[in-house]
N, C-alpha and C. Protein backbone atom coordinates (compact mmCIF):
# COMPACT_ATOMS: atom_id res chain seq x y z
N UNK A 1 107.49 141.37 88.06
CA UNK A 1 106.74 140.25 87.57
C UNK A 1 105.26 140.49 87.81
N UNK A 2 104.46 140.30 86.80
CA UNK A 2 103.03 140.51 86.90
C UNK A 2 102.35 139.25 87.44
N UNK A 3 101.44 139.43 88.39
CA UNK A 3 100.73 138.29 88.95
C UNK A 3 99.60 137.88 88.01
N UNK A 4 99.48 136.58 87.80
CA UNK A 4 98.41 136.05 86.96
C UNK A 4 97.96 134.72 87.53
N UNK A 5 96.75 134.33 87.27
CA UNK A 5 96.30 133.04 87.75
C UNK A 5 96.58 132.00 86.69
N UNK A 6 96.77 130.77 87.11
CA UNK A 6 97.09 129.69 86.19
C UNK A 6 96.03 129.55 85.11
N UNK A 7 94.79 129.63 85.50
CA UNK A 7 93.74 129.36 84.51
C UNK A 7 93.55 130.50 83.54
N UNK A 8 94.31 131.57 83.64
CA UNK A 8 94.24 132.65 82.65
C UNK A 8 95.53 132.77 81.84
N UNK A 9 96.47 131.88 82.08
CA UNK A 9 97.73 131.97 81.33
C UNK A 9 97.85 130.83 80.34
N UNK A 10 98.63 131.04 79.34
CA UNK A 10 98.87 130.03 78.31
C UNK A 10 100.01 129.13 78.75
N UNK A 11 100.09 127.96 78.17
CA UNK A 11 101.19 127.06 78.43
C UNK A 11 102.48 127.73 77.98
N UNK A 12 103.59 127.32 78.57
CA UNK A 12 104.86 128.00 78.34
C UNK A 12 105.60 127.56 77.09
N UNK A 13 105.25 126.46 76.49
CA UNK A 13 106.05 126.07 75.33
C UNK A 13 105.37 126.49 74.03
N UNK A 14 106.17 126.68 72.96
CA UNK A 14 105.66 127.23 71.71
C UNK A 14 104.54 126.38 71.11
N UNK A 15 103.53 127.04 70.63
CA UNK A 15 102.44 126.38 69.93
C UNK A 15 101.45 125.66 70.82
N UNK A 16 101.62 125.72 72.11
CA UNK A 16 100.74 124.99 73.01
C UNK A 16 99.43 125.73 73.20
N UNK A 17 98.36 125.03 73.06
CA UNK A 17 97.03 125.56 73.35
C UNK A 17 96.45 124.71 74.46
N UNK A 18 95.90 125.32 75.46
CA UNK A 18 95.31 124.51 76.51
C UNK A 18 93.98 123.97 76.04
N UNK A 19 93.74 122.71 76.36
CA UNK A 19 92.48 122.09 75.99
C UNK A 19 91.33 122.79 76.71
N UNK A 20 91.62 123.41 77.83
CA UNK A 20 90.58 124.04 78.64
C UNK A 20 89.83 125.13 77.88
N UNK A 21 90.54 126.04 77.26
CA UNK A 21 89.87 127.14 76.59
C UNK A 21 89.04 126.66 75.41
N UNK A 22 89.47 125.60 74.75
CA UNK A 22 88.71 125.05 73.63
C UNK A 22 87.39 124.47 74.11
N UNK A 23 87.36 123.93 75.31
CA UNK A 23 86.19 123.24 75.81
C UNK A 23 85.30 124.14 76.66
N UNK A 24 85.67 125.38 76.88
CA UNK A 24 84.84 126.29 77.64
C UNK A 24 85.17 126.35 79.12
N UNK A 25 86.18 125.66 79.55
CA UNK A 25 86.63 125.77 80.93
C UNK A 25 88.10 126.16 80.91
N UNK A 26 88.60 126.56 82.06
CA UNK A 26 89.96 127.09 82.09
C UNK A 26 90.92 126.36 83.01
N UNK A 27 90.44 125.45 83.85
CA UNK A 27 91.32 124.68 84.73
C UNK A 27 90.97 123.20 84.58
N UNK A 28 91.92 122.46 84.06
CA UNK A 28 91.73 121.04 83.80
C UNK A 28 92.36 120.26 84.95
N UNK A 29 91.54 119.53 85.71
CA UNK A 29 91.99 118.79 86.89
C UNK A 29 91.81 117.29 86.62
N UNK A 30 92.87 116.53 86.86
CA UNK A 30 92.79 115.07 86.75
C UNK A 30 93.03 114.48 88.13
N UNK A 31 92.16 113.58 88.54
CA UNK A 31 92.22 112.96 89.86
C UNK A 31 92.52 111.47 89.70
N UNK A 32 93.48 110.99 90.48
CA UNK A 32 93.83 109.58 90.52
C UNK A 32 93.68 109.16 91.99
N UNK A 33 92.93 108.08 92.22
CA UNK A 33 92.68 107.68 93.61
C UNK A 33 92.67 106.16 93.71
N UNK A 34 92.73 105.67 94.97
CA UNK A 34 92.73 104.22 95.20
C UNK A 34 91.37 103.66 95.59
N UNK A 35 90.66 104.34 96.47
CA UNK A 35 89.39 103.81 96.98
C UNK A 35 88.48 104.97 97.39
N UNK A 36 87.39 104.66 98.08
CA UNK A 36 86.41 105.68 98.46
C UNK A 36 87.02 106.74 99.38
N UNK A 37 87.88 106.35 100.29
CA UNK A 37 88.48 107.31 101.23
C UNK A 37 89.39 108.28 100.48
N UNK A 38 90.28 107.74 99.65
CA UNK A 38 91.21 108.62 98.92
C UNK A 38 90.47 109.45 97.88
N UNK A 39 89.39 108.91 97.35
CA UNK A 39 88.56 109.69 96.41
C UNK A 39 87.96 110.91 97.12
N UNK A 40 87.54 110.73 98.35
CA UNK A 40 86.98 111.83 99.13
C UNK A 40 88.04 112.90 99.40
N UNK A 41 89.26 112.49 99.72
CA UNK A 41 90.35 113.46 99.92
C UNK A 41 90.52 114.30 98.66
N UNK A 42 90.56 113.62 97.51
CA UNK A 42 90.75 114.32 96.24
C UNK A 42 89.57 115.24 95.93
N UNK A 43 88.36 114.80 96.27
CA UNK A 43 87.18 115.64 96.04
C UNK A 43 87.30 116.95 96.81
N UNK A 44 87.83 116.91 98.01
CA UNK A 44 87.98 118.12 98.80
C UNK A 44 88.95 119.11 98.13
N UNK A 45 90.02 118.58 97.56
CA UNK A 45 90.96 119.45 96.84
C UNK A 45 90.28 120.03 95.61
N UNK A 46 89.55 119.19 94.87
CA UNK A 46 88.82 119.68 93.70
C UNK A 46 87.83 120.79 94.11
N UNK A 47 87.14 120.62 95.21
CA UNK A 47 86.20 121.64 95.68
C UNK A 47 86.92 122.95 96.03
N UNK A 48 88.11 122.85 96.59
CA UNK A 48 88.88 124.07 96.87
C UNK A 48 89.24 124.78 95.57
N UNK A 49 89.60 124.04 94.55
CA UNK A 49 89.92 124.65 93.25
C UNK A 49 88.68 125.27 92.62
N UNK A 50 87.54 124.61 92.74
CA UNK A 50 86.29 125.15 92.22
C UNK A 50 85.92 126.43 92.95
N UNK A 51 86.13 126.44 94.26
CA UNK A 51 85.86 127.64 95.05
C UNK A 51 86.66 128.84 94.54
N UNK A 52 87.89 128.59 94.16
CA UNK A 52 88.77 129.66 93.69
C UNK A 52 88.47 130.07 92.25
N UNK A 53 88.26 129.08 91.37
CA UNK A 53 88.12 129.37 89.94
C UNK A 53 86.68 129.51 89.48
N UNK A 54 85.75 128.94 90.24
CA UNK A 54 84.35 128.92 89.81
C UNK A 54 84.02 127.59 89.19
N UNK A 55 82.81 127.11 89.42
CA UNK A 55 82.42 125.78 88.99
C UNK A 55 82.50 125.59 87.47
N UNK A 56 82.11 126.60 86.72
CA UNK A 56 82.12 126.46 85.26
C UNK A 56 83.53 126.50 84.68
N UNK A 57 84.49 126.98 85.45
CA UNK A 57 85.86 127.10 84.95
C UNK A 57 86.68 125.83 85.17
N UNK A 58 86.14 124.86 85.90
CA UNK A 58 86.91 123.66 86.24
C UNK A 58 86.32 122.44 85.55
N UNK A 59 87.18 121.69 84.89
CA UNK A 59 86.80 120.40 84.31
C UNK A 59 87.62 119.33 85.02
N UNK A 60 86.95 118.29 85.49
CA UNK A 60 87.64 117.26 86.26
C UNK A 60 87.37 115.88 85.70
N UNK A 61 88.42 115.09 85.58
CA UNK A 61 88.30 113.68 85.25
C UNK A 61 88.86 112.88 86.41
N UNK A 62 88.33 111.68 86.64
CA UNK A 62 88.77 110.85 87.75
C UNK A 62 89.15 109.46 87.24
N UNK A 63 90.20 108.92 87.88
CA UNK A 63 90.71 107.61 87.47
C UNK A 63 91.03 106.80 88.72
N UNK A 64 90.42 105.65 88.84
CA UNK A 64 90.73 104.73 89.94
C UNK A 64 91.92 103.88 89.51
N UNK A 65 92.90 103.76 90.38
CA UNK A 65 94.14 103.05 90.03
C UNK A 65 93.86 101.63 89.55
N UNK A 66 92.98 100.90 90.21
CA UNK A 66 92.69 99.52 89.81
C UNK A 66 92.08 99.43 88.41
N UNK A 67 91.39 100.47 87.98
CA UNK A 67 90.76 100.46 86.65
C UNK A 67 91.77 100.60 85.51
N UNK A 68 93.01 100.93 85.85
CA UNK A 68 94.02 101.12 84.81
C UNK A 68 94.41 99.81 84.13
N UNK A 69 93.91 98.71 84.64
CA UNK A 69 94.16 97.41 83.99
C UNK A 69 93.41 97.30 82.67
N UNK A 70 92.40 98.13 82.51
CA UNK A 70 91.61 98.12 81.26
C UNK A 70 92.33 98.99 80.23
N UNK A 71 92.73 98.43 79.10
CA UNK A 71 93.53 99.16 78.11
C UNK A 71 92.93 100.51 77.68
N UNK A 72 91.63 100.56 77.48
CA UNK A 72 91.00 101.81 77.03
C UNK A 72 91.11 102.90 78.11
N UNK A 73 90.85 102.53 79.35
CA UNK A 73 90.96 103.51 80.45
C UNK A 73 92.42 103.91 80.67
N UNK A 74 93.33 102.97 80.47
CA UNK A 74 94.76 103.24 80.59
C UNK A 74 95.16 104.36 79.62
N UNK A 75 94.74 104.22 78.35
CA UNK A 75 95.09 105.22 77.33
C UNK A 75 94.38 106.55 77.57
N UNK A 76 93.09 106.50 77.85
CA UNK A 76 92.32 107.73 78.09
C UNK A 76 92.89 108.51 79.29
N UNK A 77 93.23 107.78 80.33
CA UNK A 77 93.79 108.43 81.51
C UNK A 77 95.13 109.08 81.25
N UNK A 78 95.96 108.42 80.46
CA UNK A 78 97.27 108.99 80.13
C UNK A 78 97.10 110.31 79.38
N UNK A 79 96.17 110.35 78.45
CA UNK A 79 95.91 111.58 77.69
C UNK A 79 95.39 112.67 78.62
N UNK A 80 94.46 112.32 79.51
CA UNK A 80 93.89 113.30 80.44
C UNK A 80 94.96 113.90 81.35
N UNK A 81 95.83 113.08 81.89
CA UNK A 81 96.87 113.59 82.78
C UNK A 81 97.92 114.40 82.01
N UNK A 82 98.17 114.02 80.77
CA UNK A 82 99.15 114.76 79.96
C UNK A 82 98.68 116.19 79.72
N UNK A 83 97.36 116.42 79.70
CA UNK A 83 96.82 117.75 79.40
C UNK A 83 96.36 118.51 80.64
N UNK A 84 96.43 117.88 81.81
CA UNK A 84 95.89 118.48 83.04
C UNK A 84 96.75 119.63 83.55
N UNK A 85 96.08 120.65 84.09
CA UNK A 85 96.76 121.74 84.79
C UNK A 85 97.13 121.32 86.20
N UNK A 86 96.22 120.59 86.85
CA UNK A 86 96.44 120.10 88.20
C UNK A 86 96.15 118.60 88.23
N UNK A 87 97.09 117.85 88.76
CA UNK A 87 96.94 116.40 88.89
C UNK A 87 96.91 116.09 90.38
N UNK A 88 95.81 115.53 90.83
CA UNK A 88 95.65 115.16 92.23
C UNK A 88 95.79 113.65 92.33
N UNK A 89 96.80 113.19 93.06
CA UNK A 89 96.99 111.76 93.26
C UNK A 89 96.79 111.48 94.73
N UNK A 90 95.74 110.70 95.03
CA UNK A 90 95.40 110.35 96.42
C UNK A 90 95.58 108.85 96.59
N UNK A 91 96.53 108.48 97.44
CA UNK A 91 96.82 107.07 97.63
C UNK A 91 97.40 106.84 99.02
N UNK A 92 97.51 105.58 99.37
CA UNK A 92 98.10 105.20 100.65
C UNK A 92 99.59 104.99 100.46
N UNK A 93 100.34 105.26 101.54
CA UNK A 93 101.77 105.03 101.46
C UNK A 93 102.02 103.54 101.19
N UNK A 94 102.97 103.29 100.31
CA UNK A 94 103.29 101.92 99.93
C UNK A 94 104.76 101.85 99.56
N UNK A 95 105.36 100.70 99.81
CA UNK A 95 106.73 100.52 99.36
C UNK A 95 106.77 100.29 97.86
N UNK A 96 105.70 99.71 97.34
CA UNK A 96 105.64 99.46 95.90
C UNK A 96 104.21 99.68 95.44
N UNK A 97 104.03 100.57 94.49
CA UNK A 97 102.71 100.84 93.93
C UNK A 97 102.41 99.80 92.84
N UNK A 98 101.15 99.65 92.43
CA UNK A 98 100.82 98.67 91.38
C UNK A 98 101.61 98.94 90.09
N UNK A 99 102.02 97.86 89.42
CA UNK A 99 102.85 97.97 88.21
C UNK A 99 102.19 98.84 87.15
N UNK A 100 100.87 98.67 86.94
CA UNK A 100 100.20 99.46 85.90
C UNK A 100 100.24 100.96 86.23
N UNK A 101 100.31 101.30 87.50
CA UNK A 101 100.40 102.69 87.91
C UNK A 101 101.72 103.29 87.43
N UNK A 102 102.83 102.59 87.65
CA UNK A 102 104.14 103.06 87.19
C UNK A 102 104.17 103.21 85.67
N UNK A 103 103.66 102.22 84.95
CA UNK A 103 103.64 102.28 83.49
C UNK A 103 102.80 103.46 83.01
N UNK A 104 101.67 103.65 83.62
CA UNK A 104 100.74 104.73 83.25
C UNK A 104 101.38 106.08 83.46
N UNK A 105 102.04 106.27 84.61
CA UNK A 105 102.67 107.55 84.89
C UNK A 105 103.79 107.84 83.89
N UNK A 106 104.55 106.84 83.55
CA UNK A 106 105.61 107.05 82.55
C UNK A 106 105.03 107.45 81.21
N UNK A 107 103.91 106.86 80.82
CA UNK A 107 103.28 107.18 79.54
C UNK A 107 102.81 108.63 79.52
N UNK A 108 102.08 109.09 80.55
CA UNK A 108 101.59 110.46 80.48
C UNK A 108 102.72 111.47 80.66
N UNK A 109 103.77 111.12 81.38
CA UNK A 109 104.90 112.04 81.48
C UNK A 109 105.55 112.26 80.12
N UNK A 110 105.64 111.21 79.31
CA UNK A 110 106.20 111.34 77.97
C UNK A 110 105.32 112.20 77.08
N UNK A 111 104.01 112.13 77.26
CA UNK A 111 103.08 112.89 76.45
C UNK A 111 102.93 114.34 76.91
N UNK A 112 103.30 114.63 78.13
CA UNK A 112 103.07 115.94 78.72
C UNK A 112 103.88 117.05 78.04
N UNK A 113 105.09 116.78 77.67
CA UNK A 113 105.91 117.70 76.89
C UNK A 113 106.12 119.06 77.55
N UNK A 114 106.34 119.06 78.86
CA UNK A 114 106.73 120.29 79.54
C UNK A 114 105.63 121.27 79.86
N UNK A 115 104.36 120.90 79.73
CA UNK A 115 103.28 121.82 80.09
C UNK A 115 103.38 122.20 81.56
N UNK A 116 103.09 123.45 81.91
CA UNK A 116 103.12 123.84 83.32
C UNK A 116 101.95 123.20 84.06
N UNK A 117 102.10 123.04 85.34
CA UNK A 117 101.01 122.48 86.13
C UNK A 117 101.48 122.14 87.52
N UNK A 118 100.61 121.45 88.24
CA UNK A 118 100.92 121.07 89.62
C UNK A 118 100.54 119.62 89.85
N UNK A 119 101.34 118.96 90.65
CA UNK A 119 101.05 117.63 91.13
C UNK A 119 100.74 117.76 92.61
N UNK A 120 99.53 117.36 92.98
CA UNK A 120 99.09 117.45 94.36
C UNK A 120 98.97 116.03 94.89
N UNK A 121 99.87 115.64 95.76
CA UNK A 121 99.89 114.29 96.30
C UNK A 121 99.27 114.25 97.68
N UNK A 122 98.25 113.44 97.84
CA UNK A 122 97.60 113.21 99.13
C UNK A 122 97.96 111.79 99.54
N UNK A 123 98.76 111.66 100.58
CA UNK A 123 99.30 110.35 100.96
C UNK A 123 98.73 109.92 102.29
N UNK A 124 97.99 108.83 102.28
CA UNK A 124 97.44 108.27 103.50
C UNK A 124 98.52 107.57 104.28
N UNK A 125 98.73 107.97 105.51
CA UNK A 125 99.79 107.41 106.33
C UNK A 125 99.22 106.74 107.57
N UNK A 126 99.92 105.75 108.04
CA UNK A 126 99.57 105.12 109.30
C UNK A 126 100.45 105.73 110.39
N UNK A 127 100.18 105.38 111.61
CA UNK A 127 100.97 105.93 112.72
C UNK A 127 102.43 105.52 112.64
N UNK A 128 102.70 104.34 112.11
CA UNK A 128 104.07 103.86 111.99
C UNK A 128 104.61 104.14 110.60
N UNK A 129 104.68 105.40 110.23
CA UNK A 129 105.19 105.70 108.88
C UNK A 129 106.66 105.37 108.84
N UNK A 130 107.04 104.68 107.81
CA UNK A 130 108.42 104.25 107.68
C UNK A 130 108.86 104.33 106.25
N UNK A 131 109.50 103.26 105.77
CA UNK A 131 110.05 103.27 104.42
C UNK A 131 108.96 103.38 103.35
N UNK A 132 107.75 102.89 103.64
CA UNK A 132 106.67 102.99 102.66
C UNK A 132 106.34 104.44 102.36
N UNK A 133 106.23 105.25 103.40
CA UNK A 133 105.92 106.67 103.22
C UNK A 133 107.04 107.38 102.48
N UNK A 134 108.27 107.06 102.84
CA UNK A 134 109.42 107.68 102.19
C UNK A 134 109.44 107.32 100.71
N UNK A 135 109.20 106.05 100.38
CA UNK A 135 109.23 105.62 98.98
C UNK A 135 108.12 106.28 98.17
N UNK A 136 106.93 106.35 98.72
CA UNK A 136 105.81 106.97 98.01
C UNK A 136 106.11 108.45 97.75
N UNK A 137 106.57 109.16 98.77
CA UNK A 137 106.90 110.58 98.60
C UNK A 137 108.05 110.76 97.61
N UNK A 138 109.04 109.92 97.68
CA UNK A 138 110.19 110.00 96.76
C UNK A 138 109.72 109.82 95.32
N UNK A 139 108.82 108.88 95.10
CA UNK A 139 108.32 108.64 93.75
C UNK A 139 107.53 109.84 93.23
N UNK A 140 106.68 110.42 94.06
CA UNK A 140 105.91 111.60 93.64
C UNK A 140 106.84 112.79 93.37
N UNK A 141 107.88 112.94 94.18
CA UNK A 141 108.88 113.99 93.91
C UNK A 141 109.52 113.78 92.55
N UNK A 142 109.89 112.55 92.26
CA UNK A 142 110.52 112.23 90.99
C UNK A 142 109.59 112.53 89.82
N UNK A 143 108.31 112.14 89.95
CA UNK A 143 107.34 112.43 88.89
C UNK A 143 107.20 113.92 88.64
N UNK A 144 107.08 114.69 89.72
CA UNK A 144 106.93 116.13 89.57
C UNK A 144 108.16 116.73 88.90
N UNK A 145 109.32 116.28 89.30
CA UNK A 145 110.55 116.79 88.71
C UNK A 145 110.63 116.46 87.22
N UNK A 146 110.35 115.22 86.85
CA UNK A 146 110.40 114.82 85.45
C UNK A 146 109.36 115.55 84.60
N UNK A 147 108.21 115.81 85.19
CA UNK A 147 107.14 116.48 84.46
C UNK A 147 107.17 117.99 84.55
N UNK A 148 108.18 118.55 85.24
CA UNK A 148 108.31 119.99 85.44
C UNK A 148 107.04 120.56 86.08
N UNK A 149 106.55 119.84 87.10
CA UNK A 149 105.32 120.22 87.79
C UNK A 149 105.65 120.77 89.18
N UNK A 150 104.88 121.77 89.61
CA UNK A 150 104.97 122.20 91.00
C UNK A 150 104.42 121.07 91.85
N UNK A 151 105.02 120.84 93.00
CA UNK A 151 104.61 119.72 93.84
C UNK A 151 104.08 120.20 95.17
N UNK A 152 102.92 119.68 95.56
CA UNK A 152 102.37 119.89 96.89
C UNK A 152 102.05 118.52 97.46
N UNK A 153 102.62 118.19 98.59
CA UNK A 153 102.35 116.91 99.24
C UNK A 153 101.64 117.16 100.56
N UNK A 154 100.68 116.32 100.83
CA UNK A 154 99.94 116.40 102.09
C UNK A 154 99.82 114.99 102.64
N UNK A 155 100.30 114.79 103.85
CA UNK A 155 100.11 113.53 104.54
C UNK A 155 98.72 113.54 105.15
N UNK A 156 97.97 112.50 104.93
CA UNK A 156 96.60 112.40 105.42
C UNK A 156 96.48 111.24 106.39
N UNK A 157 95.97 111.52 107.57
CA UNK A 157 95.69 110.47 108.53
C UNK A 157 94.59 109.59 107.94
N UNK A 158 94.70 108.31 108.13
CA UNK A 158 93.76 107.39 107.50
C UNK A 158 92.32 107.57 107.99
N UNK A 159 92.14 108.22 109.12
CA UNK A 159 90.79 108.39 109.66
C UNK A 159 90.28 109.81 109.53
N UNK A 160 91.10 110.71 109.01
CA UNK A 160 90.71 112.12 108.95
C UNK A 160 90.72 112.63 107.53
N UNK A 161 90.16 113.81 107.35
CA UNK A 161 90.15 114.47 106.06
C UNK A 161 91.40 115.33 105.91
N UNK A 162 91.80 115.64 104.68
CA UNK A 162 92.95 116.53 104.49
C UNK A 162 92.67 117.88 105.16
N UNK A 163 93.67 118.41 105.81
CA UNK A 163 93.50 119.66 106.54
C UNK A 163 93.42 120.84 105.60
N UNK A 164 92.85 121.93 106.09
CA UNK A 164 92.73 123.14 105.29
C UNK A 164 94.07 123.80 104.98
N UNK A 165 95.16 123.33 105.62
CA UNK A 165 96.44 123.97 105.34
C UNK A 165 96.89 123.75 103.91
N UNK A 166 96.33 122.80 103.20
CA UNK A 166 96.62 122.62 101.79
C UNK A 166 96.02 123.76 100.97
N UNK A 167 94.95 124.34 101.46
CA UNK A 167 94.27 125.44 100.76
C UNK A 167 95.25 126.58 100.45
N UNK A 168 96.07 126.96 101.40
CA UNK A 168 97.02 128.06 101.19
C UNK A 168 98.01 127.73 100.07
N UNK A 169 98.52 126.50 100.05
CA UNK A 169 99.43 126.09 98.99
C UNK A 169 98.76 126.10 97.63
N UNK A 170 97.50 125.67 97.56
CA UNK A 170 96.76 125.71 96.29
C UNK A 170 96.57 127.13 95.81
N UNK A 171 96.23 128.03 96.72
CA UNK A 171 96.03 129.43 96.32
C UNK A 171 97.33 130.06 95.85
N UNK A 172 98.42 129.78 96.54
CA UNK A 172 99.72 130.31 96.11
C UNK A 172 100.08 129.79 94.73
N UNK A 173 99.86 128.50 94.49
CA UNK A 173 100.15 127.92 93.19
C UNK A 173 99.28 128.56 92.10
N UNK A 174 97.99 128.70 92.39
CA UNK A 174 97.07 129.21 91.38
C UNK A 174 97.37 130.65 91.00
N UNK A 175 97.94 131.42 91.92
CA UNK A 175 98.22 132.81 91.64
C UNK A 175 99.68 133.09 91.26
N UNK A 176 100.43 132.01 91.02
CA UNK A 176 101.84 132.17 90.65
C UNK A 176 101.95 132.75 89.24
N UNK A 177 103.01 133.48 89.01
CA UNK A 177 103.22 134.06 87.68
C UNK A 177 103.71 133.04 86.70
């Protein structure tokens, strides 16, 4: 098997063209976050991807979960995630996520049509992680499975930044055949 980086390979299904090459970049990253803290976690992952691929090779869009109540942002975000190579979802553990979040994820999964990619989940946990953490992780696992996405999950302490140990998983994913 020949080693290749994600941003230099074509999508696996017939007739697929990556939006990245048309726009002059090669790695399309979509970020979904809840607030300023989770946005910062996602920014760190985006910076790691930029470090690997180069700043001009990465295109990033960001979507705040609460903003999905706006119909136009709801549709635009679904399209962006459907075409993304890497989807970074940064949120707090919850037993139940906002309803518009579930609807939105179902919409972009239907539009994705089997494109290869990765789902990177950054989950803010409290010291008493319980059923909320399990439910959030279970849901992200289900999304990755339905979307045929590689999954990387990182539990994030609410007061700390994501650890560098995610860097190794990102590099392995990026260099996968």
